[in-house]
């Protein structure tokens, strides 16, 4: 069913059991399915777009890489002839493909499979296999391929650590990247579907040092402490967004506030909290000052630093996002009412670092513009 109650003929993936042998075979099937190989194959500088002719050439591109890209990156139908019988049987067992009853010998993917750096990530697909719009369900697991996610991943430290937590893990990409550097990783998500995808992706990556748990923020890991905590924060006010991956709470900062208020319980001395976020400077209180207030009685144990990628007035933010199509005109009154109620002076997009310093000293609070590495 679609989100408006209508019938959707394109089946989406339903969580299913998978054996270690089948996941090993899946890794073999997708060998060479990476950004470099795909771009070389189709003569493109990056993965931003594909030839529009694909929408019309349903029977074209019979090769393995071409068929995998068409099915799992583009989300379109493809001919069974593009894959050997054992590969089709494997994808069937894992529930990753389905049959198009209107087109004999054609299949479509129930998921997206996207290369992200060195990792292969399974997530929800974003379109219907005939190229039409796909109504996203509320528990949609977002593809981790867009600029915000890539910036977040790039911000995570490369130094080793003992225990890491990723909050709101979604597809699990942050936990997987973290697990290459941490002895042990825990990841939480409020959506059961995201938990399943994250567990599947960790197994596909061959990792055995990640524990993925269902629950809100820190609730699944109560009693544990960490020396690294990471969060790609949602920011959309709740009345506007039905999607968990975007739902920032009543004022867009409820989830951020909850993640900061609990840091004294979960972040070890010397530990660091990393986040990419969209938040606000408000009358008489900049973002970093509000974060410090949320830390409560122990705030003098923490350093707080905001690195700005962008800072815009509410009017400038609206104009930019209307031009991009990421905000609908009907939502403007909600934004304006929210910003008036919260006395918002500017919208800040950037990184937040909160570090629990060791020893006794004056805490540091800072704001600086982002400077790319030379």
Protein backbone atom coordinates (compact mmCIF):
# COMPACT_ATOMS: atom_id res chain seq x y z
CA UNK A 1 0.00 0.00 0.00
CA UNK A 2 1.08 3.58 -0.55
CA UNK A 3 1.17 6.19 2.21
CA UNK A 4 -2.16 7.58 1.00
CA UNK A 5 -3.88 4.16 1.08
CA UNK A 6 -3.57 3.40 -2.63
CA UNK A 7 -2.09 0.20 -4.05
CA UNK A 8 1.61 0.18 -4.82
CA UNK A 9 2.53 -2.63 -7.25
CA UNK A 10 6.26 -2.38 -6.55
CA UNK A 11 7.09 -4.56 -3.56
CA UNK A 12 9.67 -3.21 -1.14
CA UNK A 13 12.12 -5.32 0.82
CA UNK A 14 10.84 -7.22 3.85
CA UNK A 15 13.40 -8.25 6.48
CA UNK A 16 14.38 -11.88 6.06
CA UNK A 17 16.95 -14.28 7.50
CA UNK A 18 20.22 -14.65 5.63
CA UNK A 19 23.03 -17.14 6.00
CA UNK A 20 26.71 -16.25 6.24
CA UNK A 21 27.28 -18.27 3.08
CA UNK A 22 24.71 -16.27 1.12
CA UNK A 23 26.17 -12.95 2.30
CA UNK A 24 29.65 -14.11 1.30
CA UNK A 25 28.26 -15.01 -2.14
CA UNK A 26 26.59 -11.57 -2.32
CA UNK A 27 29.94 -9.88 -1.70
CA UNK A 28 31.43 -11.93 -4.52
CA UNK A 29 28.54 -11.02 -6.85
CA UNK A 30 29.05 -7.29 -6.16
CA UNK A 31 32.85 -7.40 -6.49
CA UNK A 32 33.87 -4.44 -8.67
CA UNK A 33 30.58 -2.65 -7.97
CA UNK A 34 32.18 0.57 -6.74
CA UNK A 35 32.23 4.23 -7.68
CA UNK A 36 35.46 4.01 -9.67
CA UNK A 37 34.33 1.02 -11.74
CA UNK A 38 30.86 2.41 -12.38
CA UNK A 39 32.17 5.83 -13.44
CA UNK A 40 34.75 4.26 -15.73
CA UNK A 41 32.16 1.96 -17.26
CA UNK A 42 29.80 4.80 -18.18
CA UNK A 43 32.31 7.58 -18.74
CA UNK A 44 31.12 9.82 -15.89
CA UNK A 45 33.12 11.97 -13.44
CA UNK A 46 30.97 10.91 -10.47
CA UNK A 47 27.77 9.10 -9.48
CA UNK A 48 25.50 12.17 -9.63
CA UNK A 49 23.59 10.98 -12.70
CA UNK A 50 23.14 8.33 -15.35
CA UNK A 51 22.11 8.40 -19.02
CA UNK A 52 18.40 9.24 -19.26
CA UNK A 53 18.12 6.77 -22.12
CA UNK A 54 18.14 3.99 -19.50
CA UNK A 55 14.52 4.78 -18.74
CA UNK A 56 13.63 3.80 -22.30
CA UNK A 57 16.09 0.98 -22.99
CA UNK A 58 14.56 -1.62 -20.68
CA UNK A 59 16.27 -4.56 -22.38
CA UNK A 60 19.66 -2.89 -22.77
CA UNK A 61 22.89 -3.52 -20.84
CA UNK A 62 22.92 -7.31 -20.38
CA UNK A 63 26.31 -7.47 -18.58
CA UNK A 64 26.68 -8.21 -14.85
CA UNK A 65 27.89 -4.75 -13.74
CA UNK A 66 25.39 -3.00 -16.01
CA UNK A 67 22.52 -5.09 -14.66
CA UNK A 68 23.54 -4.61 -11.02
CA UNK A 69 23.82 -0.85 -11.49
CA UNK A 70 20.48 -0.69 -13.24
CA UNK A 71 18.74 -2.75 -10.56
CA UNK A 72 20.37 -1.61 -7.34
CA UNK A 73 21.64 1.91 -7.99
CA UNK A 74 19.09 3.23 -10.47
CA UNK A 75 16.23 1.15 -9.04
CA UNK A 76 14.87 0.22 -12.48
CA UNK A 77 13.75 -3.03 -14.08
CA UNK A 78 16.31 -5.21 -15.81
CA UNK A 79 16.39 -8.39 -17.88
CA UNK A 80 17.09 -11.69 -16.14
CA UNK A 81 19.54 -12.36 -18.97
CA UNK A 82 21.99 -9.93 -17.39
CA UNK A 83 22.77 -12.26 -14.47
CA UNK A 84 23.57 -15.98 -14.27
CA UNK A 85 20.97 -18.33 -12.82
CA UNK A 86 22.85 -18.85 -9.53
CA UNK A 87 23.04 -15.08 -8.97
CA UNK A 88 19.31 -14.70 -9.58
CA UNK A 89 18.63 -17.57 -7.17
CA UNK A 90 20.83 -15.90 -4.53
CA UNK A 91 19.07 -12.53 -4.88
CA UNK A 92 15.71 -14.34 -4.70
CA UNK A 93 16.68 -16.15 -1.48
CA UNK A 94 17.74 -12.90 0.12
CA UNK A 95 14.55 -11.15 -1.00
CA UNK A 96 16.50 -8.50 -2.89
CA UNK A 97 14.68 -8.90 -6.21
CA UNK A 98 11.09 -9.43 -7.29
CA UNK A 99 9.37 -10.26 -10.59
CA UNK A 100 7.56 -7.79 -12.81
CA UNK A 101 4.38 -9.66 -13.76
CA UNK A 102 3.69 -7.21 -16.60
CA UNK A 103 7.03 -7.94 -18.29
CA UNK A 104 8.13 -11.57 -18.66
CA UNK A 105 11.77 -12.31 -17.83
CA UNK A 106 12.19 -8.93 -16.10
CA UNK A 107 13.12 -8.35 -12.45
CA UNK A 108 13.41 -5.34 -10.20
CA UNK A 109 15.22 -4.70 -6.91
CA UNK A 110 13.35 -4.39 -3.62
CA UNK A 111 16.28 -2.39 -2.20
CA UNK A 112 19.07 -0.08 -3.24
CA UNK A 113 22.68 -1.24 -2.94
CA UNK A 114 25.06 1.70 -3.05
CA UNK A 115 28.86 1.98 -2.84
CA UNK A 116 29.99 4.40 -0.12
CA UNK A 117 33.76 4.68 -0.06
CA UNK A 118 35.04 1.14 0.46
CA UNK A 119 31.71 -0.09 1.82
CA UNK A 120 28.68 -1.67 0.15
CA UNK A 121 25.42 -0.48 1.73
CA UNK A 122 21.93 -1.97 1.43
CA UNK A 123 19.08 0.50 2.06
CA UNK A 124 15.61 1.39 0.79
CA UNK A 125 15.27 2.37 -2.86
CA UNK A 126 14.01 5.87 -3.63
CA UNK A 127 12.02 5.34 -6.83
CA UNK A 128 9.66 2.91 -8.51
CA UNK A 129 11.23 0.49 -11.02
CA UNK A 130 9.38 2.14 -13.89
CA UNK A 131 11.01 5.49 -13.06
CA UNK A 132 7.92 7.01 -11.45
CA UNK A 133 7.81 8.63 -8.01
CA UNK A 134 7.90 6.26 -5.08
CA UNK A 135 5.87 7.14 -1.96
CA UNK A 136 8.32 6.95 0.92
CA UNK A 137 7.01 5.13 4.01
CA UNK A 138 7.65 6.68 7.45
CA UNK A 139 10.32 4.09 8.31
CA UNK A 140 12.24 4.65 5.06
CA UNK A 141 15.96 3.86 5.47
CA UNK A 142 17.80 6.67 3.70
CA UNK A 143 20.58 5.94 1.18
CA UNK A 144 23.88 7.13 2.75
CA UNK A 145 25.20 8.71 -0.46
CA UNK A 146 24.36 12.40 -0.19
CA UNK A 147 26.63 15.30 0.72
CA UNK A 148 25.43 15.63 4.33
CA UNK A 149 26.23 11.98 5.07
CA UNK A 150 29.58 12.09 3.30
CA UNK A 151 30.58 15.21 5.25
CA UNK A 152 29.54 13.50 8.47
CA UNK A 153 31.61 10.41 7.66
CA UNK A 154 34.60 12.56 6.74
CA UNK A 155 34.35 14.33 10.11
CA UNK A 156 34.75 11.12 12.11
CA UNK A 157 38.29 10.72 13.49
CA UNK A 158 40.68 8.15 12.07
CA UNK A 159 42.43 7.55 15.41
CA UNK A 160 41.65 4.25 17.17
CA UNK A 161 39.37 4.18 20.20
CA UNK A 162 38.04 1.61 22.65
CA UNK A 163 34.25 2.01 22.60
CA UNK A 164 32.15 3.96 20.09
CA UNK A 165 28.42 4.66 19.94
CA UNK A 166 26.54 5.84 16.87
CA UNK A 167 23.06 7.21 17.58
CA UNK A 168 20.41 7.08 14.84
CA UNK A 169 22.51 4.72 12.77
CA UNK A 170 20.04 4.32 9.87
CA UNK A 171 21.71 2.06 7.31
CA UNK A 172 24.67 1.64 9.68
CA UNK A 173 27.30 3.41 7.58
CA UNK A 174 28.69 5.48 10.49
CA UNK A 175 28.95 2.41 12.71
CA UNK A 176 30.70 0.48 9.93
CA UNK A 177 33.22 3.25 9.27
CA UNK A 178 33.73 3.57 13.04
CA UNK A 179 34.22 -0.17 13.44
CA UNK A 180 37.29 -0.03 11.20
CA UNK A 181 38.88 2.16 13.91
CA UNK A 182 37.20 1.19 17.20
CA UNK A 183 37.68 -1.98 19.22
CA UNK A 184 33.93 -2.19 19.81
CA UNK A 185 30.95 -0.26 18.39
CA UNK A 186 27.36 0.03 19.52
CA UNK A 187 24.70 1.56 17.25
CA UNK A 188 21.11 2.51 18.07
CA UNK A 189 18.08 3.49 16.04
CA UNK A 190 14.45 4.09 16.94
CA UNK A 191 13.20 2.29 13.80
CA UNK A 192 13.16 -1.53 13.64
CA UNK A 193 13.64 -1.43 9.87
CA UNK A 194 16.83 0.63 10.21
CA UNK A 195 18.13 -1.80 12.85
CA UNK A 196 17.63 -4.70 10.43
CA UNK A 197 19.42 -2.91 7.58
CA UNK A 198 22.28 -1.86 9.85
CA UNK A 199 22.74 -5.43 11.10
CA UNK A 200 22.61 -6.75 7.53
CA UNK A 201 25.18 -4.19 6.36
CA UNK A 202 27.54 -4.97 9.24
CA UNK A 203 27.39 -8.66 8.35
CA UNK A 204 27.88 -7.85 4.67
CA UNK A 205 30.98 -5.86 5.67
CA UNK A 206 32.29 -8.89 7.54
CA UNK A 207 32.30 -7.10 10.92
CA UNK A 208 31.85 -8.87 14.23
CA UNK A 209 32.58 -5.93 16.56
CA UNK A 210 29.31 -4.03 16.08
CA UNK A 211 26.15 -4.40 18.19
CA UNK A 212 23.01 -2.77 16.73
CA UNK A 213 20.10 -2.16 19.10
CA UNK A 214 16.58 -0.77 18.70
CA UNK A 215 15.55 2.18 20.84
CA UNK A 216 15.54 5.94 21.29
CA UNK A 217 18.90 7.71 21.66
CA UNK A 218 20.82 6.16 24.60
CA UNK A 219 18.08 3.95 26.05
CA UNK A 220 19.39 0.66 24.55
CA UNK A 221 22.88 1.24 25.99
CA UNK A 222 22.04 2.42 29.51
CA UNK A 223 24.86 1.55 31.91
CA UNK A 224 27.58 1.70 29.23
CA UNK A 225 30.06 4.51 28.59
CA UNK A 226 31.95 5.48 25.44
CA UNK A 227 35.01 7.41 24.41
CA UNK A 228 33.49 8.30 21.02
CA UNK A 229 29.84 9.15 20.26
CA UNK A 230 28.64 10.17 16.79
CA UNK A 231 25.30 11.39 15.49
CA UNK A 232 24.06 12.54 12.07
CA UNK A 233 21.25 14.59 13.54
CA UNK A 234 17.74 14.94 12.12
CA UNK A 235 16.50 18.52 12.15
CA UNK A 236 12.99 18.85 10.64
CA UNK A 237 10.31 19.97 13.16
CA UNK A 238 7.98 17.07 13.96
CA UNK A 239 4.70 18.56 12.64
CA UNK A 240 6.33 18.83 9.22
CA UNK A 241 8.02 15.44 8.81
CA UNK A 242 6.65 11.91 9.28
CA UNK A 243 10.10 10.41 8.66
CA UNK A 244 12.32 9.21 11.51
CA UNK A 245 15.50 10.08 9.55
CA UNK A 246 14.40 13.75 9.42
CA UNK A 247 12.36 14.19 12.62
CA UNK A 248 14.14 16.63 14.91
CA UNK A 249 11.25 17.03 17.34
CA UNK A 250 8.87 19.87 18.09
CA UNK A 251 11.31 22.73 17.39
CA UNK A 252 13.81 20.83 15.23
CA UNK A 253 16.28 20.64 18.15
CA UNK A 254 14.51 18.26 20.55
CA UNK A 255 16.64 15.29 19.45
CA UNK A 256 19.81 17.38 19.61
CA UNK A 257 18.95 18.53 23.11
CA UNK A 258 18.29 14.96 24.28
CA UNK A 259 21.60 13.75 22.86
CA UNK A 260 23.51 16.50 24.70
CA UNK A 261 21.68 16.33 28.03
CA UNK A 262 22.68 12.68 28.48
CA UNK A 263 26.36 13.11 27.59
CA UNK A 264 27.45 13.40 31.24
CA UNK A 265 26.15 9.84 31.77
CA UNK A 266 27.61 8.24 28.64
CA UNK A 267 30.76 10.11 27.56
CA UNK A 268 33.99 9.11 29.30
CA UNK A 269 36.65 11.63 30.43
CA UNK A 270 38.75 12.36 27.36
CA UNK A 271 35.87 11.25 25.12
CA UNK A 272 34.35 13.19 22.23
CA UNK A 273 30.87 13.66 20.76
CA UNK A 274 30.74 14.38 17.01
CA UNK A 275 27.68 15.58 15.09
CA UNK A 276 26.69 17.25 11.85
CA UNK A 277 23.61 19.37 12.35
CA UNK A 278 21.28 22.15 11.33
CA UNK A 279 20.37 24.26 14.35
CA UNK A 280 19.81 27.87 15.32
CA UNK A 281 21.32 30.93 16.91
CA UNK A 282 18.62 32.53 19.03
CA UNK A 283 18.21 35.95 20.54
CA UNK A 284 20.68 36.26 23.40
CA UNK A 285 21.95 32.66 23.03
CA UNK A 286 24.09 31.22 20.27
CA UNK A 287 24.02 27.50 19.53
CA UNK A 288 27.21 26.67 21.43
CA UNK A 289 25.93 28.53 24.51
CA UNK A 290 22.69 26.54 24.41
CA UNK A 291 24.63 23.27 24.10
CA UNK A 292 26.63 24.22 27.19
CA UNK A 293 23.43 24.96 29.11
CA UNK A 294 22.02 21.54 28.14
CA UNK A 295 25.05 19.85 29.73
CA UNK A 296 23.70 20.90 33.11
CA UNK A 297 25.62 20.90 36.38
CA UNK A 298 28.68 19.21 34.87
CA UNK A 299 29.04 21.66 31.98
CA UNK A 300 32.44 22.86 33.27
CA UNK A 301 33.83 19.39 32.42
CA UNK A 302 33.14 19.87 28.69
CA UNK A 303 34.60 21.88 25.82
CA UNK A 304 32.08 22.87 23.13
CA UNK A 305 33.06 23.82 19.57
CA UNK A 306 30.87 24.67 16.56
CA UNK A 307 32.39 24.69 13.07
CA UNK A 308 30.23 26.59 10.58
CA UNK A 309 29.70 25.30 7.09
CA UNK A 310 27.01 27.94 6.56
CA UNK A 311 25.06 30.52 8.57
CA UNK A 312 22.00 32.23 7.10
CA UNK A 313 19.20 34.47 8.24
CA UNK A 314 15.78 32.78 8.34
CA UNK A 315 14.80 34.62 5.14
CA UNK A 316 18.03 33.59 3.43
CA UNK A 317 17.58 29.98 4.52
CA UNK A 318 14.03 29.90 3.14
CA UNK A 319 15.06 31.46 -0.17
CA UNK A 320 17.93 29.02 -0.66
CA UNK A 321 15.88 25.92 0.15
CA UNK A 322 12.87 27.03 -1.88
CA UNK A 323 15.21 27.39 -4.87
CA UNK A 324 16.54 23.89 -4.22
CA UNK A 325 13.05 22.44 -3.83
CA UNK A 326 13.83 21.09 -0.33
CA UNK A 327 11.07 23.18 1.32
CA UNK A 328 7.50 23.47 0.04
CA UNK A 329 5.80 26.87 -0.03
CA UNK A 330 2.98 25.48 2.10
CA UNK A 331 5.49 24.86 4.90
CA UNK A 332 6.71 28.46 5.07
CA UNK A 333 4.11 29.57 7.68
CA UNK A 334 5.18 26.70 9.97
CA UNK A 335 8.84 27.73 9.72
CA UNK A 336 8.07 31.40 10.27
CA UNK A 337 5.90 30.68 13.30
CA UNK A 338 8.58 28.39 14.77
CA UNK A 339 11.37 30.93 14.30
CA UNK A 340 9.25 33.70 15.82
CA UNK A 341 8.40 31.55 18.86
CA UNK A 342 12.05 30.56 19.39
CA UNK A 343 13.40 34.05 18.58
CA UNK A 344 15.67 32.55 15.94
CA UNK A 345 18.17 34.97 14.44
CA UNK A 346 20.15 32.62 12.18
CA UNK A 347 20.21 29.04 10.92
CA UNK A 348 23.56 27.31 11.42
CA UNK A 349 24.71 24.31 9.39
CA UNK A 350 27.92 22.69 10.51
CA UNK A 351 29.75 20.39 12.90
CA UNK A 352 29.45 20.15 16.66
CA UNK A 353 32.26 18.77 18.81
CA UNK A 354 31.79 18.26 22.55
CA UNK A 355 34.83 16.95 24.43
CA UNK A 356 34.94 15.90 28.06
CA UNK A 357 38.30 17.14 29.23
CA UNK A 358 40.39 15.37 31.82
CA UNK A 359 41.62 17.15 34.92
CA UNK A 360 40.47 20.51 36.29
CA UNK A 361 40.63 23.58 34.04
CA UNK A 362 38.43 26.26 32.54
CA UNK A 363 36.13 24.89 29.80
CA UNK A 364 36.45 26.18 26.23
CA UNK A 365 33.53 27.37 24.09
CA UNK A 366 34.26 28.32 20.47
CA UNK A 367 32.81 29.04 17.03
CA UNK A 368 34.86 29.05 13.83
CA UNK A 369 34.27 28.81 10.06
CA UNK A 370 35.07 25.55 8.32
CA UNK A 371 38.44 25.47 6.58
CA UNK A 372 39.01 22.61 4.11
CA UNK A 373 42.23 20.68 4.47
CA UNK A 374 44.93 21.90 2.05
